[in-house]
Amino acid sequence: MTSVKGEWGTGNGEREPTQFSKKELRQQRAAERAKVAPLVKELKKRVETAERKIDELQKALDEASAELFNPTPTTDFAEVNRKVRTLQFEIDRYTADWEDAATKLEGISQ
């Protein structure tokens, strides 16, 4: 009987050092998942936080933009423009963080 990697032994009751049983392979995969679990959790949290913040900031940006496009006599254009620039900067920052975390998470998942 010939031995195939990952199967039991060579027919003489012994296994070659490079072969693993199904149980050992499952245990090894579980150990690898457990090792990266904290990182996966942290990356998922970063992705979710960034998505939530981007949504909040986008709503605020839409409101500020609406104020610019439909001004009232009391509209302070300089202040609204500063607010728009700040919101856009924050959106860009959270988008970059989201992309970074999502890319790392995808790399781990593969």
PDB file of N, CA and C in Angstrom:
ATOM      1  N   MET A   1       0.848  -1.172   0.000  1.00  0.00           N
ATOM      2  CA  MET A   1       0.000   0.000   0.000  1.00  0.00           C
ATOM      3  C   MET A   1       0.892   1.232   0.000  1.00  0.00           C
ATOM      4  N   THR A   2       0.630   2.179  -0.885  1.00  0.00           N
ATOM      5  CA  THR A   2       1.428   3.395  -0.936  1.00  0.00           C
ATOM      6  C   THR A   2       0.791   4.450  -0.051  1.00  0.00           C
ATOM      7  N   SER A   3       1.619   5.310   0.470  1.00  0.00           N
ATOM      8  CA  SER A   3       1.151   6.340   1.386  1.00  0.00           C
ATOM      9  C   SER A   3       0.927   7.648   0.641  1.00  0.00           C
ATOM     10  N   VAL A   4      -0.136   8.315   0.994  1.00  0.00           N
ATOM     11  CA  VAL A   4      -0.436   9.634   0.452  1.00  0.00           C
ATOM     12  C   VAL A   4      -0.366  10.616   1.601  1.00  0.00           C
ATOM     13  N   LYS A   5       0.220  11.771   1.367  1.00  0.00           N
ATOM     14  CA  LYS A   5       0.365  12.766   2.420  1.00  0.00           C
ATOM     15  C   LYS A   5      -0.996  13.072   3.037  1.00  0.00           C
ATOM     16  N   GLY A   6      -1.039  13.046   4.357  1.00  0.00           N
ATOM     17  CA  GLY A   6      -2.274  13.320   5.063  1.00  0.00           C
ATOM     18  C   GLY A   6      -3.035  12.073   5.432  1.00  0.00           C
ATOM     19  N   GLU A   7      -2.626  10.906   4.942  1.00  0.00           N
ATOM     20  CA  GLU A   7      -3.265   9.652   5.311  1.00  0.00           C
ATOM     21  C   GLU A   7      -2.391   8.930   6.312  1.00  0.00           C
ATOM     22  N   TRP A   8      -2.977   7.940   6.943  1.00  0.00           N
ATOM     23  CA  TRP A   8      -2.236   7.171   7.938  1.00  0.00           C
ATOM     24  C   TRP A   8      -1.188   6.289   7.290  1.00  0.00           C
ATOM     25  N   GLY A   9       0.003   6.385   7.772  1.00  0.00           N
ATOM     26  CA  GLY A   9       1.115   5.469   7.584  1.00  0.00           C
ATOM     27  C   GLY A   9       1.455   4.934   6.217  1.00  0.00           C
ATOM     28  N   THR A  10       2.437   4.036   6.271  1.00  0.00           N
ATOM     29  CA  THR A  10       2.979   3.426   5.063  1.00  0.00           C
ATOM     30  C   THR A  10       2.588   1.969   4.948  1.00  0.00           C
ATOM     31  N   GLY A  11       1.681   1.537   5.794  1.00  0.00           N
ATOM     32  CA  GLY A  11       1.268   0.148   5.749  1.00  0.00           C
ATOM     33  C   GLY A  11       1.938  -0.681   6.818  1.00  0.00           C
ATOM     34  N   ASN A  12       2.968  -0.159   7.459  1.00  0.00           N
ATOM     35  CA  ASN A  12       3.666  -0.911   8.510  1.00  0.00           C
ATOM     36  C   ASN A  12       3.250  -0.407   9.900  1.00  0.00           C
ATOM     37  N   GLY A  13       2.170   0.356   9.981  1.00  0.00           N
ATOM     38  CA  GLY A  13       1.660   0.827  11.256  1.00  0.00           C
ATOM     39  C   GLY A  13       2.256   2.140  11.731  1.00  0.00           C
ATOM     40  N   GLU A  14       3.158   2.735  10.966  1.00  0.00           N
ATOM     41  CA  GLU A  14       3.775   3.986  11.376  1.00  0.00           C
ATOM     42  C   GLU A  14       3.437   5.074  10.366  1.00  0.00           C
ATOM     43  N   ARG A  15       3.490   6.314  10.868  1.00  0.00           N
ATOM     44  CA  ARG A  15       3.283   7.453   9.977  1.00  0.00           C
ATOM     45  C   ARG A  15       4.620   8.112   9.699  1.00  0.00           C
ATOM     46  N   GLU A  16       4.739   8.658   8.508  1.00  0.00           N
ATOM     47  CA  GLU A  16       5.936   9.428   8.190  1.00  0.00           C
ATOM     48  C   GLU A  16       5.836  10.771   8.902  1.00  0.00           C
ATOM     49  N   PRO A  17       6.941  11.404   9.248  1.00  0.00           N
ATOM     50  CA  PRO A  17       6.919  12.646  10.033  1.00  0.00           C
ATOM     51  C   PRO A  17       6.148  13.788   9.376  1.00  0.00           C
ATOM     52  N   THR A  18       6.045  13.838   8.059  1.00  0.00           N
ATOM     53  CA  THR A  18       5.385  14.949   7.386  1.00  0.00           C
ATOM     54  C   THR A  18       3.897  14.727   7.185  1.00  0.00           C
ATOM     55  N   GLN A  19       3.377  13.598   7.643  1.00  0.00           N
ATOM     56  CA  GLN A  19       1.969  13.306   7.448  1.00  0.00           C
ATOM     57  C   GLN A  19       1.180  13.625   8.701  1.00  0.00           C
ATOM     58  N   PHE A  20      -0.056  14.112   8.492  1.00  0.00           N
ATOM     59  CA  PHE A  20      -0.917  14.461   9.603  1.00  0.00           C
ATOM     60  C   PHE A  20      -2.244  13.745   9.462  1.00  0.00           C
ATOM     61  N   SER A  21      -2.817  13.378  10.579  1.00  0.00           N
ATOM     62  CA  SER A  21      -4.147  12.783  10.548  1.00  0.00           C
ATOM     63  C   SER A  21      -5.163  13.904  10.335  1.00  0.00           C
ATOM     64  N   LYS A  22      -6.375  13.551  10.020  1.00  0.00           N
ATOM     65  CA  LYS A  22      -7.424  14.553   9.841  1.00  0.00           C
ATOM     66  C   LYS A  22      -7.630  15.333  11.136  1.00  0.00           C
ATOM     67  N   LYS A  23      -7.563  14.632  12.245  1.00  0.00           N
ATOM     68  CA  LYS A  23      -7.723  15.278  13.547  1.00  0.00           C
ATOM     69  C   LYS A  23      -6.623  16.312  13.774  1.00  0.00           C
ATOM     70  N   GLU A  24      -5.374  15.924  13.467  1.00  0.00           N
ATOM     71  CA  GLU A  24      -4.253  16.845  13.646  1.00  0.00           C
ATOM     72  C   GLU A  24      -4.385  18.060  12.732  1.00  0.00           C
ATOM     73  N   LEU A  25      -4.847  17.835  11.506  1.00  0.00           N
ATOM     74  CA  LEU A  25      -5.045  18.953  10.577  1.00  0.00           C
ATOM     75  C   LEU A  25      -6.118  19.903  11.097  1.00  0.00           C
ATOM     76  N   ARG A  26      -7.235  19.346  11.615  1.00  0.00           N
ATOM     77  CA  ARG A  26      -8.300  20.183  12.184  1.00  0.00           C
ATOM     78  C   ARG A  26      -7.772  20.982  13.371  1.00  0.00           C
ATOM     79  N   GLN A  27      -7.000  20.324  14.225  1.00  0.00           N
ATOM     80  CA  GLN A  27      -6.439  20.996  15.388  1.00  0.00           C
ATOM     81  C   GLN A  27      -5.480  22.109  14.978  1.00  0.00           C
ATOM     82  N   GLN A  28      -4.688  21.835  13.957  1.00  0.00           N
ATOM     83  CA  GLN A  28      -3.738  22.826  13.475  1.00  0.00           C
ATOM     84  C   GLN A  28      -4.477  24.040  12.900  1.00  0.00           C
ATOM     85  N   ARG A  29      -5.514  23.788  12.090  1.00  0.00           N
ATOM     86  CA  ARG A  29      -6.299  24.893  11.520  1.00  0.00           C
ATOM     87  C   ARG A  29      -6.989  25.691  12.624  1.00  0.00           C
ATOM     88  N   ALA A  30      -7.518  24.998  13.631  1.00  0.00           N
ATOM     89  CA  ALA A  30      -8.178  25.676  14.748  1.00  0.00           C
ATOM     90  C   ALA A  30      -7.185  26.552  15.505  1.00  0.00           C
ATOM     91  N   ALA A  31      -5.975  26.046  15.700  1.00  0.00           N
ATOM     92  CA  ALA A  31      -4.943  26.816  16.388  1.00  0.00           C
ATOM     93  C   ALA A  31      -4.569  28.059  15.583  1.00  0.00           C
ATOM     94  N   GLU A  32      -4.487  27.922  14.260  1.00  0.00           N
ATOM     95  CA  GLU A  32      -4.169  29.067  13.408  1.00  0.00           C
ATOM     96  C   GLU A  32      -5.281  30.109  13.459  1.00  0.00           C
ATOM     97  N   ARG A  33      -6.541  29.645  13.434  1.00  0.00           N
ATOM     98  CA  ARG A  33      -7.669  30.578  13.531  1.00  0.00           C
ATOM     99  C   ARG A  33      -7.659  31.291  14.882  1.00  0.00           C
ATOM    100  N   ALA A  34      -7.382  30.549  15.940  1.00  0.00           N
ATOM    101  CA  ALA A  34      -7.347  31.140  17.277  1.00  0.00           C
ATOM    102  C   ALA A  34      -6.232  32.173  17.394  1.00  0.00           C
ATOM    103  N   LYS A  35      -5.133  31.925  16.699  1.00  0.00           N
ATOM    104  CA  LYS A  35      -3.999  32.849  16.749  1.00  0.00           C
ATOM    105  C   LYS A  35      -4.346  34.188  16.095  1.00  0.00           C
ATOM    106  N   VAL A  36      -5.110  34.166  15.005  1.00  0.00           N
ATOM    107  CA  VAL A  36      -5.436  35.405  14.291  1.00  0.00           C
ATOM    108  C   VAL A  36      -6.783  35.992  14.713  1.00  0.00           C
ATOM    109  N   ALA A  37      -7.529  35.291  15.562  1.00  0.00           N
ATOM    110  CA  ALA A  37      -8.862  35.757  15.966  1.00  0.00           C
ATOM    111  C   ALA A  37      -8.849  37.162  16.570  1.00  0.00           C
ATOM    112  N   PRO A  38      -7.907  37.492  17.474  1.00  0.00           N
ATOM    113  CA  PRO A  38      -7.908  38.859  18.018  1.00  0.00           C
ATOM    114  C   PRO A  38      -7.689  39.923  16.942  1.00  0.00           C
ATOM    115  N   LEU A  39      -6.808  39.637  15.985  1.00  0.00           N
ATOM    116  CA  LEU A  39      -6.565  40.584  14.899  1.00  0.00           C
ATOM    117  C   LEU A  39      -7.796  40.727  14.022  1.00  0.00           C
ATOM    118  N   VAL A  40      -8.448  39.614  13.714  1.00  0.00           N
ATOM    119  CA  VAL A  40      -9.666  39.656  12.901  1.00  0.00           C
ATOM    120  C   VAL A  40     -10.736  40.481  13.614  1.00  0.00           C
ATOM    121  N   LYS A  41     -10.883  40.258  14.906  1.00  0.00           N
ATOM    122  CA  LYS A  41     -11.879  40.998  15.688  1.00  0.00           C
ATOM    123  C   LYS A  41     -11.590  42.499  15.650  1.00  0.00           C
ATOM    124  N   GLU A  42     -10.333  42.858  15.844  1.00  0.00           N
ATOM    125  CA  GLU A  42      -9.946  44.272  15.843  1.00  0.00           C
ATOM    126  C   GLU A  42     -10.170  44.895  14.465  1.00  0.00           C
ATOM    127  N   LEU A  43      -9.831  44.172  13.399  1.00  0.00           N
ATOM    128  CA  LEU A  43     -10.020  44.696  12.045  1.00  0.00           C
ATOM    129  C   LEU A  43     -11.505  44.849  11.719  1.00  0.00           C
ATOM    130  N   LYS A  44     -12.326  43.883  12.125  1.00  0.00           N
ATOM    131  CA  LYS A  44     -13.772  43.995  11.892  1.00  0.00           C
ATOM    132  C   LYS A  44     -14.341  45.205  12.624  1.00  0.00           C
ATOM    133  N   LYS A  45     -13.847  45.433  13.839  1.00  0.00           N
ATOM    134  CA  LYS A  45     -14.302  46.591  14.611  1.00  0.00           C
ATOM    135  C   LYS A  45     -13.918  47.888  13.903  1.00  0.00           C
ATOM    136  N   ARG A  46     -12.690  47.946  13.385  1.00  0.00           N
ATOM    137  CA  ARG A  46     -12.256  49.142  12.640  1.00  0.00           C
ATOM    138  C   ARG A  46     -13.112  49.373  11.412  1.00  0.00           C
ATOM    139  N   VAL A  47     -13.428  48.301  10.678  1.00  0.00           N
ATOM    140  CA  VAL A  47     -14.259  48.420   9.476  1.00  0.00           C
ATOM    141  C   VAL A  47     -15.647  48.940   9.854  1.00  0.00           C
ATOM    142  N   GLU A  48     -16.251  48.346  10.882  1.00  0.00           N
ATOM    143  CA  GLU A  48     -17.598  48.760  11.297  1.00  0.00           C
ATOM    144  C   GLU A  48     -17.609  50.199  11.803  1.00  0.00           C
ATOM    145  N   THR A  49     -16.613  50.568  12.586  1.00  0.00           N
ATOM    146  CA  THR A  49     -16.525  51.937  13.100  1.00  0.00           C
ATOM    147  C   THR A  49     -16.374  52.926  11.957  1.00  0.00           C
ATOM    148  N   ALA A  50     -15.493  52.616  11.021  1.00  0.00           N
ATOM    149  CA  ALA A  50     -15.280  53.510   9.879  1.00  0.00           C
ATOM    150  C   ALA A  50     -16.554  53.646   9.056  1.00  0.00           C
ATOM    151  N   GLU A  51     -17.254  52.555   8.813  1.00  0.00           N
ATOM    152  CA  GLU A  51     -18.496  52.618   8.039  1.00  0.00           C
ATOM    153  C   GLU A  51     -19.526  53.493   8.741  1.00  0.00           C
ATOM    154  N   ARG A  52     -19.664  53.312  10.066  1.00  0.00           N
ATOM    155  CA  ARG A  52     -20.627  54.104  10.832  1.00  0.00           C
ATOM    156  C   ARG A  52     -20.264  55.591  10.793  1.00  0.00           C
ATOM    157  N   LYS A  53     -18.979  55.899  11.009  1.00  0.00           N
ATOM    158  CA  LYS A  53     -18.544  57.301  10.997  1.00  0.00           C
ATOM    159  C   LYS A  53     -18.698  57.928   9.612  1.00  0.00           C
ATOM    160  N   ILE A  54     -18.392  57.185   8.579  1.00  0.00           N
ATOM    161  CA  ILE A  54     -18.538  57.713   7.219  1.00  0.00           C
ATOM    162  C   ILE A  54     -20.001  58.067   6.965  1.00  0.00           C
ATOM    163  N   ASP A  55     -20.916  57.188   7.383  1.00  0.00           N
ATOM    164  CA  ASP A  55     -22.349  57.475   7.212  1.00  0.00           C
ATOM    165  C   ASP A  55     -22.751  58.745   7.961  1.00  0.00           C
ATOM    166  N   GLU A  56     -22.317  58.861   9.220  1.00  0.00           N
ATOM    167  CA  GLU A  56     -22.645  60.046  10.019  1.00  0.00           C
ATOM    168  C   GLU A  56     -22.083  61.317   9.386  1.00  0.00           C
ATOM    169  N   LEU A  57     -20.821  61.251   8.986  1.00  0.00           N
ATOM    170  CA  LEU A  57     -20.171  62.419   8.392  1.00  0.00           C
ATOM    171  C   LEU A  57     -20.790  62.792   7.053  1.00  0.00           C
ATOM    172  N   GLN A  58     -21.190  61.794   6.275  1.00  0.00           N
ATOM    173  CA  GLN A  58     -21.813  62.060   4.977  1.00  0.00           C
ATOM    174  C   GLN A  58     -23.152  62.770   5.158  1.00  0.00           C
ATOM    175  N   LYS A  59     -23.914  62.356   6.169  1.00  0.00           N
ATOM    176  CA  LYS A  59     -25.185  63.041   6.455  1.00  0.00           C
ATOM    177  C   LYS A  59     -24.943  64.491   6.845  1.00  0.00           C
ATOM    178  N   ALA A  60     -23.939  64.718   7.701  1.00  0.00           N
ATOM    179  CA  ALA A  60     -23.607  66.084   8.106  1.00  0.00           C
ATOM    180  C   ALA A  60     -23.119  66.907   6.914  1.00  0.00           C
ATOM    181  N   LEU A  61     -22.349  66.275   6.031  1.00  0.00           N
ATOM    182  CA  LEU A  61     -21.876  66.963   4.828  1.00  0.00           C
ATOM    183  C   LEU A  61     -23.042  67.324   3.914  1.00  0.00           C
ATOM    184  N   ASP A  62     -23.991  66.419   3.774  1.00  0.00           N
ATOM    185  CA  ASP A  62     -25.175  66.702   2.949  1.00  0.00           C
ATOM    186  C   ASP A  62     -25.950  67.892   3.509  1.00  0.00           C
ATOM    187  N   GLU A  63     -26.083  67.948   4.836  1.00  0.00           N
ATOM    188  CA  GLU A  63     -26.784  69.070   5.468  1.00  0.00           C
ATOM    189  C   GLU A  63     -26.044  70.384   5.242  1.00  0.00           C
ATOM    190  N   ALA A  64     -24.723  70.354   5.409  1.00  0.00           N
ATOM    191  CA  ALA A  64     -23.922  71.565   5.213  1.00  0.00           C
ATOM    192  C   ALA A  64     -23.975  72.006   3.751  1.00  0.00           C
ATOM    193  N   SER A  65     -23.912  71.054   2.836  1.00  0.00           N
ATOM    194  CA  SER A  65     -23.994  71.391   1.412  1.00  0.00           C
ATOM    195  C   SER A  65     -25.353  71.989   1.069  1.00  0.00           C
ATOM    196  N   ALA A  66     -26.402  71.432   1.660  1.00  0.00           N
ATOM    197  CA  ALA A  66     -27.748  71.964   1.425  1.00  0.00           C
ATOM    198  C   ALA A  66     -27.836  73.406   1.912  1.00  0.00           C
ATOM    199  N   GLU A  67     -27.170  73.691   3.024  1.00  0.00           N
ATOM    200  CA  GLU A  67     -27.163  75.057   3.541  1.00  0.00           C
ATOM    201  C   GLU A  67     -26.445  76.006   2.588  1.00  0.00           C
ATOM    202  N   LEU A  68     -25.385  75.523   1.941  1.00  0.00           N
ATOM    203  CA  LEU A  68     -24.671  76.360   0.967  1.00  0.00           C
ATOM    204  C   LEU A  68     -25.510  76.606  -0.289  1.00  0.00           C
ATOM    205  N   PHE A  69     -26.227  75.580  -0.719  1.00  0.00           N
ATOM    206  CA  PHE A  69     -26.992  75.695  -1.962  1.00  0.00           C
ATOM    207  C   PHE A  69     -28.334  76.392  -1.765  1.00  0.00           C
ATOM    208  N   ASN A  70     -28.802  76.440  -0.524  1.00  0.00           N
ATOM    209  CA  ASN A  70     -30.055  77.117  -0.204  1.00  0.00           C
ATOM    210  C   ASN A  70     -29.817  78.061   0.974  1.00  0.00           C
ATOM    211  N   PRO A  71     -29.038  79.110   0.752  1.00  0.00           N
ATOM    212  CA  PRO A  71     -28.660  79.984   1.873  1.00  0.00           C
ATOM    213  C   PRO A  71     -29.845  80.822   2.368  1.00  0.00           C
ATOM    214  N   THR A  72     -29.721  81.181   3.625  1.00  0.00           N
ATOM    215  CA  THR A  72     -30.655  82.132   4.216  1.00  0.00           C
ATOM    216  C   THR A  72     -29.886  83.436   4.405  1.00  0.00           C
ATOM    217  N   PRO A  73     -30.583  84.502   4.724  1.00  0.00           N
ATOM    218  CA  PRO A  73     -29.864  85.777   4.932  1.00  0.00           C
ATOM    219  C   PRO A  73     -28.841  85.711   6.069  1.00  0.00           C
ATOM    220  N   THR A  74     -29.004  84.771   6.976  1.00  0.00           N
ATOM    221  CA  THR A  74     -28.067  84.685   8.105  1.00  0.00           C
ATOM    222  C   THR A  74     -26.960  83.653   7.883  1.00  0.00           C
ATOM    223  N   THR A  75     -26.890  83.059   6.709  1.00  0.00           N
ATOM    224  CA  THR A  75     -25.888  82.028   6.440  1.00  0.00           C
ATOM    225  C   THR A  75     -24.486  82.617   6.483  1.00  0.00           C
ATOM    226  N   ASP A  76     -23.627  82.016   7.289  1.00  0.00           N
ATOM    227  CA  ASP A  76     -22.218  82.411   7.373  1.00  0.00           C
ATOM    228  C   ASP A  76     -21.442  81.486   6.426  1.00  0.00           C
ATOM    229  N   PHE A  77     -21.212  81.985   5.212  1.00  0.00           N
ATOM    230  CA  PHE A  77     -20.584  81.146   4.182  1.00  0.00           C
ATOM    231  C   PHE A  77     -19.187  80.667   4.570  1.00  0.00           C
ATOM    232  N   ALA A  78     -18.432  81.508   5.216  1.00  0.00           N
ATOM    233  CA  ALA A  78     -17.071  81.112   5.617  1.00  0.00           C
ATOM    234  C   ALA A  78     -17.136  79.952   6.608  1.00  0.00           C
ATOM    235  N   GLU A  79     -18.038  80.045   7.570  1.00  0.00           N
ATOM    236  CA  GLU A  79     -18.168  78.983   8.570  1.00  0.00           C
ATOM    237  C   GLU A  79     -18.664  77.685   7.938  1.00  0.00           C
ATOM    238  N   VAL A  80     -19.639  77.790   7.058  1.00  0.00           N
ATOM    239  CA  VAL A  80     -20.184  76.589   6.411  1.00  0.00           C
ATOM    240  C   VAL A  80     -19.120  75.945   5.517  1.00  0.00           C
ATOM    241  N   ASN A  81     -18.339  76.762   4.813  1.00  0.00           N
ATOM    242  CA  ASN A  81     -17.253  76.225   3.980  1.00  0.00           C
ATOM    243  C   ASN A  81     -16.208  75.511   4.828  1.00  0.00           C
ATOM    244  N   ARG A  82     -15.857  76.079   5.987  1.00  0.00           N
ATOM    245  CA  ARG A  82     -14.911  75.416   6.895  1.00  0.00           C
ATOM    246  C   ARG A  82     -15.476  74.065   7.352  1.00  0.00           C
ATOM    247  N   LYS A  83     -16.759  74.079   7.658  1.00  0.00           N
ATOM    248  CA  LYS A  83     -17.407  72.842   8.104  1.00  0.00           C
ATOM    249  C   LYS A  83     -17.382  71.791   6.995  1.00  0.00           C
ATOM    250  N   VAL A  84     -17.664  72.202   5.757  1.00  0.00           N
ATOM    251  CA  VAL A  84     -17.650  71.271   4.618  1.00  0.00           C
ATOM    252  C   VAL A  84     -16.254  70.688   4.431  1.00  0.00           C
ATOM    253  N   ARG A  85     -15.233  71.553   4.469  1.00  0.00           N
ATOM    254  CA  ARG A  85     -13.857  71.069   4.296  1.00  0.00           C
ATOM    255  C   ARG A  85     -13.462  70.098   5.406  1.00  0.00           C
ATOM    256  N   THR A  86     -13.822  70.419   6.640  1.00  0.00           N
ATOM    257  CA  THR A  86     -13.500  69.548   7.777  1.00  0.00           C
ATOM    258  C   THR A  86     -14.205  68.206   7.640  1.00  0.00           C
ATOM    259  N   LEU A  87     -15.480  68.242   7.283  1.00  0.00           N
ATOM    260  CA  LEU A  87     -16.230  66.995   7.111  1.00  0.00           C
ATOM    261  C   LEU A  87     -15.638  66.140   5.997  1.00  0.00           C
ATOM    262  N   GLN A  88     -15.273  66.777   4.883  1.00  0.00           N
ATOM    263  CA  GLN A  88     -14.698  66.019   3.770  1.00  0.00           C
ATOM    264  C   GLN A  88     -13.359  65.406   4.162  1.00  0.00           C
ATOM    265  N   PHE A  89     -12.548  66.163   4.917  1.00  0.00           N
ATOM    266  CA  PHE A  89     -11.276  65.636   5.404  1.00  0.00           C
ATOM    267  C   PHE A  89     -11.506  64.405   6.278  1.00  0.00           C
ATOM    268  N   GLU A  90     -12.467  64.493   7.202  1.00  0.00           N
ATOM    269  CA  GLU A  90     -12.769  63.370   8.084  1.00  0.00           C
ATOM    270  C   GLU A  90     -13.297  62.167   7.301  1.00  0.00           C
ATOM    271  N   ILE A  91     -14.132  62.412   6.313  1.00  0.00           N
ATOM    272  CA  ILE A  91     -14.633  61.316   5.473  1.00  0.00           C
ATOM    273  C   ILE A  91     -13.470  60.631   4.769  1.00  0.00           C
ATOM    274  N   ASP A  92     -12.567  61.422   4.225  1.00  0.00           N
ATOM    275  CA  ASP A  92     -11.397  60.854   3.539  1.00  0.00           C
ATOM    276  C   ASP A  92     -10.539  60.040   4.511  1.00  0.00           C
ATOM    277  N   ARG A  93     -10.370  60.538   5.726  1.00  0.00           N
ATOM    278  CA  ARG A  93      -9.558  59.848   6.735  1.00  0.00           C
ATOM    279  C   ARG A  93     -10.190  58.510   7.120  1.00  0.00           C
ATOM    280  N   TYR A  94     -11.485  58.509   7.379  1.00  0.00           N
ATOM    281  CA  TYR A  94     -12.163  57.260   7.742  1.00  0.00           C
ATOM    282  C   TYR A  94     -12.235  56.294   6.561  1.00  0.00           C
ATOM    283  N   THR A  95     -12.352  56.831   5.363  1.00  0.00           N
ATOM    284  CA  THR A  95     -12.364  55.964   4.175  1.00  0.00           C
ATOM    285  C   THR A  95     -11.013  55.268   4.016  1.00  0.00           C
ATOM    286  N   ALA A  96      -9.931  55.987   4.234  1.00  0.00           N
ATOM    287  CA  ALA A  96      -8.591  55.386   4.150  1.00  0.00           C
ATOM    288  C   ALA A  96      -8.420  54.313   5.225  1.00  0.00           C
ATOM    289  N   ASP A  97      -8.907  54.580   6.431  1.00  0.00           N
ATOM    290  CA  ASP A  97      -8.818  53.586   7.503  1.00  0.00           C
ATOM    291  C   ASP A  97      -9.659  52.361   7.165  1.00  0.00           C
ATOM    292  N   TRP A  98     -10.848  52.590   6.623  1.00  0.00           N
ATOM    293  CA  TRP A  98     -11.715  51.481   6.221  1.00  0.00           C
ATOM    294  C   TRP A  98     -11.027  50.617   5.154  1.00  0.00           C
ATOM    295  N   GLU A  99     -10.445  51.273   4.137  1.00  0.00           N
ATOM    296  CA  GLU A  99      -9.753  50.525   3.079  1.00  0.00           C
ATOM    297  C   GLU A  99      -8.596  49.710   3.635  1.00  0.00           C
ATOM    298  N   ASP A 100      -7.825  50.304   4.532  1.00  0.00           N
ATOM    299  CA  ASP A 100      -6.687  49.608   5.129  1.00  0.00           C
ATOM    300  C   ASP A 100      -7.151  48.381   5.917  1.00  0.00           C
ATOM    301  N   ALA A 101      -8.129  48.575   6.785  1.00  0.00           N
ATOM    302  CA  ALA A 101      -8.621  47.464   7.615  1.00  0.00           C
ATOM    303  C   ALA A 101      -9.285  46.384   6.765  1.00  0.00           C
ATOM    304  N   ALA A 102     -10.081  46.790   5.781  1.00  0.00           N
ATOM    305  CA  ALA A 102     -10.778  45.819   4.929  1.00  0.00           C
ATOM    306  C   ALA A 102      -9.787  45.003   4.108  1.00  0.00           C
ATOM    307  N   THR A 103      -8.738  45.643   3.619  1.00  0.00           N
ATOM    308  CA  THR A 103      -7.719  44.939   2.836  1.00  0.00           C
ATOM    309  C   THR A 103      -6.978  43.928   3.714  1.00  0.00           C
ATOM    310  N   LYS A 104      -6.609  44.337   4.916  1.00  0.00           N
ATOM    311  CA  LYS A 104      -5.928  43.415   5.828  1.00  0.00           C
ATOM    312  C   LYS A 104      -6.844  42.265   6.218  1.00  0.00           C
ATOM    313  N   LEU A 105      -8.103  42.567   6.456  1.00  0.00           N
ATOM    314  CA  LEU A 105      -9.070  41.527   6.824  1.00  0.00           C
ATOM    315  C   LEU A 105      -9.262  40.534   5.685  1.00  0.00           C
ATOM    316  N   GLU A 106      -9.325  41.042   4.479  1.00  0.00           N
ATOM    317  CA  GLU A 106      -9.456  40.163   3.312  1.00  0.00           C
ATOM    318  C   GLU A 106      -8.221  39.278   3.166  1.00  0.00           C
ATOM    319  N   GLY A 107      -7.036  39.829   3.409  1.00  0.00           N
ATOM    320  CA  GLY A 107      -5.812  39.054   3.321  1.00  0.00           C
ATOM    321  C   GLY A 107      -5.756  37.925   4.335  1.00  0.00           C
ATOM    322  N   ILE A 108      -6.276  38.190   5.529  1.00  0.00           N
ATOM    323  CA  ILE A 108      -6.297  37.153   6.572  1.00  0.00           C
ATOM    324  C   ILE A 108      -7.310  36.070   6.226  1.00  0.00           C
ATOM    325  N   SER A 109      -8.430  36.467   5.664  1.00  0.00           N
ATOM    326  CA  SER A 109      -9.510  35.526   5.368  1.00  0.00           C
ATOM    327  C   SER A 109      -9.166  34.542   4.264  1.00  0.00           C
ATOM    328  N   GLN A 110      -8.189  34.872   3.458  1.00  0.00           N
ATOM    329  CA  GLN A 110      -7.862  34.000   2.331  1.00  0.00           C
ATOM    330  C   GLN A 110      -6.977  32.870   2.726  1.00  0.00           C
TER     331      GLN A 110
END
